[in-house]
Amino acid sequence: GTCKEVVVLRDPPVVWVYNVVEHGRSTHREVVFCSRADCCLASLPSAPAEHSGVPVLTCGDAMAPAVDDASLVITRQVPVMLAGLPPFLAPASAGTPRRTKSADRFEFGSL
């Protein structure tokens, strides 16, 4: 089945339904239904409905399944001499990497 996320707001009174989809190694939300067309930020087909005796315009289909698109994950082989070593993650304060005279080294610092 499709994983759904439902967001309900009190003011303005509106319900959004999202499909939670995976792309690569990350997930994101796709809006598939909104209970008020004037609050919807997506271009979805609209339909008239009635809420507490008041006619409203809804859009989308809350039961719409997620489309299973192709996804690409690129991996690489690690040389045996580096196997088991944790990957190097530069600290956020390290700045922009600069190539050194040696083609296989980088220095981190401000430009």
Foldseek 3Di string as FASTA:
>chain_A
DWDKDWDADVVVGKIWIWTWDDAAHDIDTDTFWMQAPVPDPDDFAWDWDADPNRIGIIGGDNPDHDDDDDHDYDDDDDDPVCPPPDDDDDDPQQADWDQDPDNVDTHTDHD
